[in-house]
Amino acid sequence: MLRALADGGVRMALVSSDNEANARRQLGEAAALFSWFDCGASRSARPPIPRILKCAAVNTEQAIAIGDESPRHRSRARRGIACGAVTWGYALPETCGARADLVFERMEDIASSLRSEAAD
């Protein structure tokens, strides 16, 4: 899925409360597909997404934040960033999509959905 996104020209960033070394270790070779890492972020820290968008020279309308935590979806939506929710991860599937623009049931749905959105 990550390779399909990268091959389709999608620039990706990883935002995680985990430390960067562990995130890279978990991603393995796929870590090279990410342009930005903002790791070790606490919930009270300044939001990293506006910084990443500025560095990437990307407008909020061109971005989507995908994750499994409903409170973060609400925060991103207030900033005008599209939100994608995955039904796997730490959050309960029935709560993760509460405020999401897109809900992904399977990992492979992400690349196909984003490619079709870009074509529209």
C-alpha atoms as a PDB file:
ATOM      1  CA  MET A   1       0.000   0.000   0.000  1.00  0.00           C
ATOM      2  CA  LEU A   2       2.779   2.435   0.906  1.00  0.00           C
ATOM      3  CA  ARG A   3       4.676   1.578  -2.295  1.00  0.00           C
ATOM      4  CA  ALA A   4       1.509   2.122  -4.373  1.00  0.00           C
ATOM      5  CA  LEU A   5       1.026   5.554  -2.800  1.00  0.00           C
ATOM      6  CA  ALA A   6       4.657   6.549  -3.315  1.00  0.00           C
ATOM      7  CA  ASP A   7       4.631   5.258  -6.903  1.00  0.00           C
ATOM      8  CA  GLY A   8       1.503   7.356  -7.458  1.00  0.00           C
ATOM      9  CA  GLY A   9       3.372  10.514  -6.439  1.00  0.00           C
ATOM     10  CA  VAL A  10       1.924  10.799  -2.936  1.00  0.00           C
ATOM     11  CA  ARG A  11       4.370  12.369  -0.494  1.00  0.00           C
ATOM     12  CA  MET A  12       3.964  10.858   2.945  1.00  0.00           C
ATOM     13  CA  ALA A  13       4.740  11.932   6.475  1.00  0.00           C
ATOM     14  CA  LEU A  14       4.557   9.858   9.630  1.00  0.00           C
ATOM     15  CA  VAL A  15       3.346  11.472  12.832  1.00  0.00           C
ATOM     16  CA  SER A  16       3.574   9.253  15.881  1.00  0.00           C
ATOM     17  CA  SER A  17       3.876   9.483  19.628  1.00  0.00           C
ATOM     18  CA  ASP A  18       6.398   6.658  19.341  1.00  0.00           C
ATOM     19  CA  ASN A  19      10.066   7.565  18.892  1.00  0.00           C
ATOM     20  CA  GLU A  20      11.413   7.842  15.364  1.00  0.00           C
ATOM     21  CA  ALA A  21      13.936   5.006  15.667  1.00  0.00           C
ATOM     22  CA  ASN A  22      11.189   2.568  16.648  1.00  0.00           C
ATOM     23  CA  ALA A  23       8.848   3.855  13.938  1.00  0.00           C
ATOM     24  CA  ARG A  24      11.567   3.390  11.308  1.00  0.00           C
ATOM     25  CA  ARG A  25      12.357  -0.082  12.660  1.00  0.00           C
ATOM     26  CA  GLN A  26       8.682  -1.073  12.415  1.00  0.00           C
ATOM     27  CA  LEU A  27       8.437   0.250   8.850  1.00  0.00           C
ATOM     28  CA  GLY A  28      11.645  -1.454   7.740  1.00  0.00           C
ATOM     29  CA  GLU A  29      12.533  -0.661   4.135  1.00  0.00           C
ATOM     30  CA  ALA A  30       9.232   1.197   3.737  1.00  0.00           C
ATOM     31  CA  ALA A  31      10.615   3.989   5.956  1.00  0.00           C
ATOM     32  CA  ALA A  32      12.447   5.281   2.884  1.00  0.00           C
ATOM     33  CA  LEU A  33       9.060   6.041   1.289  1.00  0.00           C
ATOM     34  CA  PHE A  34       8.334   8.752   3.869  1.00  0.00           C
ATOM     35  CA  SER A  35       9.521  12.317   3.299  1.00  0.00           C
ATOM     36  CA  TRP A  36       8.939  13.512   6.873  1.00  0.00           C
ATOM     37  CA  PHE A  37       8.894  12.026  10.335  1.00  0.00           C
ATOM     38  CA  ASP A  38       7.507  13.855  13.351  1.00  0.00           C
ATOM     39  CA  CYS A  39       7.790  11.361  16.174  1.00  0.00           C
ATOM     40  CA  GLY A  40       7.783  11.434  19.928  1.00  0.00           C
ATOM     41  CA  ALA A  41       4.992  14.005  19.859  1.00  0.00           C
ATOM     42  CA  SER A  42       2.965  14.237  23.013  1.00  0.00           C
ATOM     43  CA  ARG A  43      -0.735  15.021  22.915  1.00  0.00           C
ATOM     44  CA  SER A  44      -0.054  18.445  24.409  1.00  0.00           C
ATOM     45  CA  ALA A  45       2.709  19.374  21.959  1.00  0.00           C
ATOM     46  CA  ARG A  46       2.103  21.825  19.131  1.00  0.00           C
ATOM     47  CA  PRO A  47       0.383  20.037  16.268  1.00  0.00           C
ATOM     48  CA  PRO A  48       2.974  18.771  13.771  1.00  0.00           C
ATOM     49  CA  ILE A  49       0.724  18.664  10.707  1.00  0.00           C
ATOM     50  CA  PRO A  50       0.783  22.428   9.974  1.00  0.00           C
ATOM     51  CA  ARG A  51       4.605  22.316  10.131  1.00  0.00           C
ATOM     52  CA  ILE A  52       4.734  19.366   7.760  1.00  0.00           C
ATOM     53  CA  LEU A  53       2.340  21.022   5.303  1.00  0.00           C
ATOM     54  CA  LYS A  54       4.457  24.169   5.340  1.00  0.00           C
ATOM     55  CA  CYS A  55       7.695  22.224   4.739  1.00  0.00           C
ATOM     56  CA  ALA A  56       6.049  20.262   1.942  1.00  0.00           C
ATOM     57  CA  ALA A  57       4.479  23.384   0.423  1.00  0.00           C
ATOM     58  CA  VAL A  58       1.104  21.606   0.446  1.00  0.00           C
ATOM     59  CA  ASN A  59      -2.256  23.284   1.004  1.00  0.00           C
ATOM     60  CA  THR A  60      -4.668  21.799   3.512  1.00  0.00           C
ATOM     61  CA  GLU A  61      -7.012  20.933   0.623  1.00  0.00           C
ATOM     62  CA  GLN A  62      -4.310  18.674  -0.844  1.00  0.00           C
ATOM     63  CA  ALA A  63      -3.682  16.736   2.372  1.00  0.00           C
ATOM     64  CA  ILE A  64      -5.305  13.901   4.241  1.00  0.00           C
ATOM     65  CA  ALA A  65      -4.393  12.686   7.709  1.00  0.00           C
ATOM     66  CA  ILE A  66      -5.058   8.984   8.230  1.00  0.00           C
ATOM     67  CA  GLY A  67      -5.127   7.362  11.648  1.00  0.00           C
ATOM     68  CA  ASP A  68      -7.142   5.451  14.217  1.00  0.00           C
ATOM     69  CA  GLU A  69      -7.906   8.045  16.880  1.00  0.00           C
ATOM     70  CA  SER A  70     -11.212   9.911  16.762  1.00  0.00           C
ATOM     71  CA  PRO A  71     -10.133  12.915  18.913  1.00  0.00           C
ATOM     72  CA  ARG A  72      -7.329  13.640  16.490  1.00  0.00           C
ATOM     73  CA  HIS A  73      -9.763  13.475  13.564  1.00  0.00           C
ATOM     74  CA  ARG A  74     -11.805  16.269  15.146  1.00  0.00           C
ATOM     75  CA  SER A  75      -8.670  18.371  15.637  1.00  0.00           C
ATOM     76  CA  ARG A  76      -7.557  17.920  12.027  1.00  0.00           C
ATOM     77  CA  ALA A  77     -11.022  18.664  10.695  1.00  0.00           C
ATOM     78  CA  ARG A  78     -10.992  22.007  12.519  1.00  0.00           C
ATOM     79  CA  ARG A  79      -7.828  22.868  10.577  1.00  0.00           C
ATOM     80  CA  GLY A  80      -9.456  22.017   7.237  1.00  0.00           C
ATOM     81  CA  ILE A  81      -7.501  18.818   6.677  1.00  0.00           C
ATOM     82  CA  ALA A  82      -9.361  15.788   5.376  1.00  0.00           C
ATOM     83  CA  CYS A  83      -9.412  12.894   7.824  1.00  0.00           C
ATOM     84  CA  GLY A  84      -9.208   9.221   7.032  1.00  0.00           C
ATOM     85  CA  ALA A  85      -9.945   6.649   9.727  1.00  0.00           C
ATOM     86  CA  VAL A  86      -8.706   3.085   9.763  1.00  0.00           C
ATOM     87  CA  THR A  87     -10.755   0.419  11.501  1.00  0.00           C
ATOM     88  CA  TRP A  88      -7.684  -1.365  12.848  1.00  0.00           C
ATOM     89  CA  GLY A  89      -5.233  -0.090  15.441  1.00  0.00           C
ATOM     90  CA  TYR A  90      -5.681   1.053  19.021  1.00  0.00           C
ATOM     91  CA  ALA A  91      -9.097   2.711  18.735  1.00  0.00           C
ATOM     92  CA  LEU A  92     -12.316   0.728  18.602  1.00  0.00           C
ATOM     93  CA  PRO A  93     -13.544   0.401  15.002  1.00  0.00           C
ATOM     94  CA  GLU A  94     -16.986   1.810  15.845  1.00  0.00           C
ATOM     95  CA  THR A  95     -15.501   5.049  17.207  1.00  0.00           C
ATOM     96  CA  CYS A  96     -12.654   5.762  14.814  1.00  0.00           C
ATOM     97  CA  GLY A  97     -14.840   6.848  11.904  1.00  0.00           C
ATOM     98  CA  ALA A  98     -17.121   9.150  13.888  1.00  0.00           C
ATOM     99  CA  ARG A  99     -15.690  12.350  12.390  1.00  0.00           C
ATOM    100  CA  ALA A 100     -13.738  11.020   9.431  1.00  0.00           C
ATOM    101  CA  ASP A 101     -14.178  11.999   5.803  1.00  0.00           C
ATOM    102  CA  LEU A 102     -13.137   8.527   4.664  1.00  0.00           C
ATOM    103  CA  VAL A 103     -13.159   5.220   6.537  1.00  0.00           C
ATOM    104  CA  PHE A 104     -10.806   2.444   5.482  1.00  0.00           C
ATOM    105  CA  GLU A 105     -11.720  -1.131   6.407  1.00  0.00           C
ATOM    106  CA  ARG A 106      -8.681  -2.696   4.729  1.00  0.00           C
ATOM    107  CA  MET A 107      -5.175  -1.393   4.216  1.00  0.00           C
ATOM    108  CA  GLU A 108      -5.316  -1.891   0.441  1.00  0.00           C
ATOM    109  CA  ASP A 109      -8.387   0.396   0.276  1.00  0.00           C
ATOM    110  CA  ILE A 110      -6.244   3.415   1.126  1.00  0.00           C
ATOM    111  CA  ALA A 111      -4.189   3.497  -2.075  1.00  0.00           C
ATOM    112  CA  SER A 112      -7.124   2.704  -4.357  1.00  0.00           C
ATOM    113  CA  SER A 113      -9.322   5.335  -2.716  1.00  0.00           C
ATOM    114  CA  LEU A 114      -6.690   8.071  -2.776  1.00  0.00           C
ATOM    115  CA  ARG A 115      -5.849   7.327  -6.412  1.00  0.00           C
ATOM    116  CA  SER A 116      -9.530   7.611  -7.381  1.00  0.00           C
ATOM    117  CA  GLU A 117      -9.888  10.859  -5.356  1.00  0.00           C
ATOM    118  CA  ALA A 118      -6.884  12.348  -7.191  1.00  0.00           C
ATOM    119  CA  ALA A 119      -8.402  11.410 -10.546  1.00  0.00           C
ATOM    120  CA  ASP A 120     -11.649  13.297  -9.797  1.00  0.00           C
END
